[in-house]
C-alpha atoms as a PDB file:
ATOM      1  CA  MET A   1      36.077  92.156 105.182  1.00  0.00           C
ATOM      2  CA  LYS A   2      33.525  89.863 103.554  1.00  0.00           C
ATOM      3  CA  SER A   3      34.105  91.206 100.028  1.00  0.00           C
ATOM      4  CA  GLY A   4      37.853  90.727 100.470  1.00  0.00           C
ATOM      5  CA  LEU A   5      37.321  87.147 101.577  1.00  0.00           C
ATOM      6  CA  SER A   6      35.037  86.387  98.667  1.00  0.00           C
ATOM      7  CA  ALA A   7      37.645  87.837  96.308  1.00  0.00           C
ATOM      8  CA  PHE A   8      40.276  85.521  97.791  1.00  0.00           C
ATOM      9  CA  PHE A   9      37.979  82.517  97.493  1.00  0.00           C
ATOM     10  CA  ASP A  10      36.994  83.396  93.924  1.00  0.00           C
ATOM     11  CA  SER A  11      40.618  83.868  92.924  1.00  0.00           C
ATOM     12  CA  ALA A  12      41.597  80.531  94.476  1.00  0.00           C
ATOM     13  CA  LYS A  13      38.740  78.696  92.739  1.00  0.00           C
ATOM     14  CA  ARG A  14      39.505  80.321  89.381  1.00  0.00           C
ATOM     15  CA  SER A  15      43.238  79.588  89.610  1.00  0.00           C
ATOM     16  CA  CYS A  16      42.573  75.999  90.649  1.00  0.00           C
ATOM     17  CA  MET A  17      40.243  75.505  87.698  1.00  0.00           C
ATOM     18  CA  LEU A  18      42.825  76.984  85.303  1.00  0.00           C
ATOM     19  CA  CYS A  19      45.527  74.729  86.741  1.00  0.00           C
ATOM     20  CA  HIS A  20      43.262  71.720  86.196  1.00  0.00           C
ATOM     21  CA  THR A  21      42.200  72.822  82.716  1.00  0.00           C
ATOM     22  CA  TYR A  22      45.681  73.537  81.371  1.00  0.00           C
ATOM     23  CA  ARG A  23      47.373  70.522  82.971  1.00  0.00           C
ATOM     24  CA  ASN A  24      48.309  69.022  79.582  1.00  0.00           C
ATOM     25  CA  LEU A  25      48.390  72.080  77.340  1.00  0.00           C
ATOM     26  CA  LYS A  26      50.610  74.442  79.248  1.00  0.00           C
ATOM     27  CA  PRO A  27      52.362  72.812  82.187  1.00  0.00           C
ATOM     28  CA  SER A  28      53.064  75.595  84.627  1.00  0.00           C
ATOM     29  CA  VAL A  29      53.029  76.153  88.349  1.00  0.00           C
ATOM     30  CA  ASP A  30      51.770  79.744  88.099  1.00  0.00           C
ATOM     31  CA  GLN A  31      48.106  78.849  88.579  1.00  0.00           C
ATOM     32  CA  LYS A  32      48.892  76.483  91.434  1.00  0.00           C
ATOM     33  CA  GLU A  33      50.941  79.142  93.210  1.00  0.00           C
ATOM     34  CA  MET A  34      48.176  81.697  92.674  1.00  0.00           C
ATOM     35  CA  ALA A  35      45.584  79.300  94.102  1.00  0.00           C
ATOM     36  CA  LEU A  36      47.758  78.580  97.139  1.00  0.00           C
ATOM     37  CA  THR A  37      48.501  82.269  97.683  1.00  0.00           C
ATOM     38  CA  SER A  38      44.826  83.236  97.498  1.00  0.00           C
ATOM     39  CA  THR A  39      43.891  80.458  99.894  1.00  0.00           C
ATOM     40  CA  GLN A  40      46.641  81.515 102.305  1.00  0.00           C
ATOM     41  CA  ARG A  41      45.429  85.126 102.188  1.00  0.00           C
ATOM     42  CA  ALA A  42      41.870  83.978 102.897  1.00  0.00           C
ATOM     43  CA  TYR A  43      43.167  81.937 105.838  1.00  0.00           C
ATOM     44  CA  ASP A  44      45.116  84.929 107.176  1.00  0.00           C
ATOM     45  CA  ALA A  45      42.044  87.175 106.902  1.00  0.00           C
ATOM     46  CA  LEU A  46      39.924  84.569 108.674  1.00  0.00           C
ATOM     47  CA  ARG A  47      42.523  84.217 111.422  1.00  0.00           C
ATOM     48  CA  VAL A  48      42.417  87.983 112.028  1.00  0.00           C
ATOM     49  CA  ALA A  49      38.611  87.951 111.989  1.00  0.00           C
ATOM     50  CA  PHE A  50      38.559  85.052 114.460  1.00  0.00           C
ATOM     51  CA  ASP A  51      40.911  86.882 116.827  1.00  0.00           C
ATOM     52  CA  GLU A  52      38.789  90.036 116.605  1.00  0.00           C
ATOM     53  CA  LEU A  53      35.601  88.094 117.287  1.00  0.00           C
ATOM     54  CA  ARG A  54      37.195  86.405 120.286  1.00  0.00           C
ATOM     55  CA  ALA A  55      38.381  89.753 121.627  1.00  0.00           C
ATOM     56  CA  GLU A  56      34.881  91.199 121.490  1.00  0.00           C
ATOM     57  CA  ASP A  57      33.250  88.052 122.938  1.00  0.00           C
ATOM     58  CA  ALA A  58      31.172  87.327 119.866  1.00  0.00           C
ATOM     59  CA  GLU A  59      28.524  84.642 119.682  1.00  0.00           C
ATOM     60  CA  ILE A  60      29.612  81.025 119.468  1.00  0.00           C
ATOM     61  CA  ASP A  61      27.864  80.579 116.108  1.00  0.00           C
ATOM     62  CA  LYS A  62      29.973  83.308 114.505  1.00  0.00           C
ATOM     63  CA  LEU A  63      33.148  81.882 115.964  1.00  0.00           C
ATOM     64  CA  ASN A  64      32.273  78.399 114.740  1.00  0.00           C
ATOM     65  CA  ARG A  65      31.559  79.635 111.200  1.00  0.00           C
ATOM     66  CA  VAL A  66      34.894  81.436 111.003  1.00  0.00           C
ATOM     67  CA  LYS A  67      36.683  78.458 112.529  1.00  0.00           C
ATOM     68  CA  ALA A  68      35.062  76.094 109.990  1.00  0.00           C
ATOM     69  CA  ALA A  69      36.133  78.370 107.129  1.00  0.00           C
ATOM     70  CA  LYS A  70      39.701  78.403 108.484  1.00  0.00           C
ATOM     71  CA  VAL A  71      39.714  74.602 108.562  1.00  0.00           C
ATOM     72  CA  LEU A  72      38.440  74.517 104.972  1.00  0.00           C
ATOM     73  CA  CYS A  73      41.303  76.777 103.918  1.00  0.00           C
ATOM     74  CA  LEU A  74      43.860  74.523 105.563  1.00  0.00           C
ATOM     75  CA  ASP A  75      42.246  71.452 103.966  1.00  0.00           C
ATOM     76  CA  ALA A  76      42.291  73.188 100.576  1.00  0.00           C
ATOM     77  CA  MET A  77      45.989  74.029 100.871  1.00  0.00           C
ATOM     78  CA  ASP A  78      46.796  70.418 101.777  1.00  0.00           C
ATOM     79  CA  ALA A  79      44.698  69.138  98.880  1.00  0.00           C
ATOM     80  CA  CYS A  80      46.419  71.520  96.470  1.00  0.00           C
ATOM     81  CA  ASN A  81      49.881  70.467  97.613  1.00  0.00           C
ATOM     82  CA  ALA A  82      48.976  66.804  97.061  1.00  0.00           C
ATOM     83  CA  CYS A  83      47.112  67.459  93.807  1.00  0.00           C
ATOM     84  CA  ASP A  84      47.779  65.473  90.635  1.00  0.00           C
ATOM     85  CA  LYS A  85      45.753  67.989  88.570  1.00  0.00           C
ATOM     86  CA  GLN A  86      43.110  65.409  87.674  1.00  0.00           C
ATOM     87  CA  ARG A  87      40.430  67.298  89.603  1.00  0.00           C
ATOM     88  CA  ALA A  88      39.982  70.909  90.635  1.00  0.00           C
ATOM     89  CA  ARG A  89      40.381  70.183  94.335  1.00  0.00           C
ATOM     90  CA  ILE A  90      40.315  73.720  95.784  1.00  0.00           C
ATOM     91  CA  LYS A  91      37.250  74.539  93.737  1.00  0.00           C
ATOM     92  CA  GLU A  92      35.547  71.393  95.025  1.00  0.00           C
ATOM     93  CA  ILE A  93      36.319  72.334  98.622  1.00  0.00           C
ATOM     94  CA  PHE A  94      35.249  75.975  98.295  1.00  0.00           C
ATOM     95  CA  VAL A  95      32.127  75.279  96.208  1.00  0.00           C
ATOM     96  CA  ASN A  96      29.712  75.822  99.130  1.00  0.00           C
ATOM     97  CA  ILE A  97      31.526  78.675 100.818  1.00  0.00           C
ATOM     98  CA  LYS A  98      29.818  82.057 100.622  1.00  0.00           C
END
C-alpha cells in the first residue's frame, strides 16, 4: 500500500511541476488533470486505509497520520483547482509527505 501511495504522490508532484514549468510554452490541461487524478487516487487509497485501520481498532497515532494525509490531499486538490500556474502548489503541499 505504501509504495502505491508514494507513486501517486510522486506522480502528482511531477505533473504539478510540469504544469507550472510549461505554463507559457505549451498551454495544456493534461498535466493539471494528471496531477488531480493522482491526488484523487492517493485520497481514495488513504480513505480505504483509514477504513481498514478503523475496522481493526488501530492506534490513534496511525489513524491521525492517515487522516492528516487525507486532509492534505483534499487541500492539494482545492489548491490545484484554484491555481494560476504561478507556483507548483501540489508539490509545495506534498513536499514533506513520505
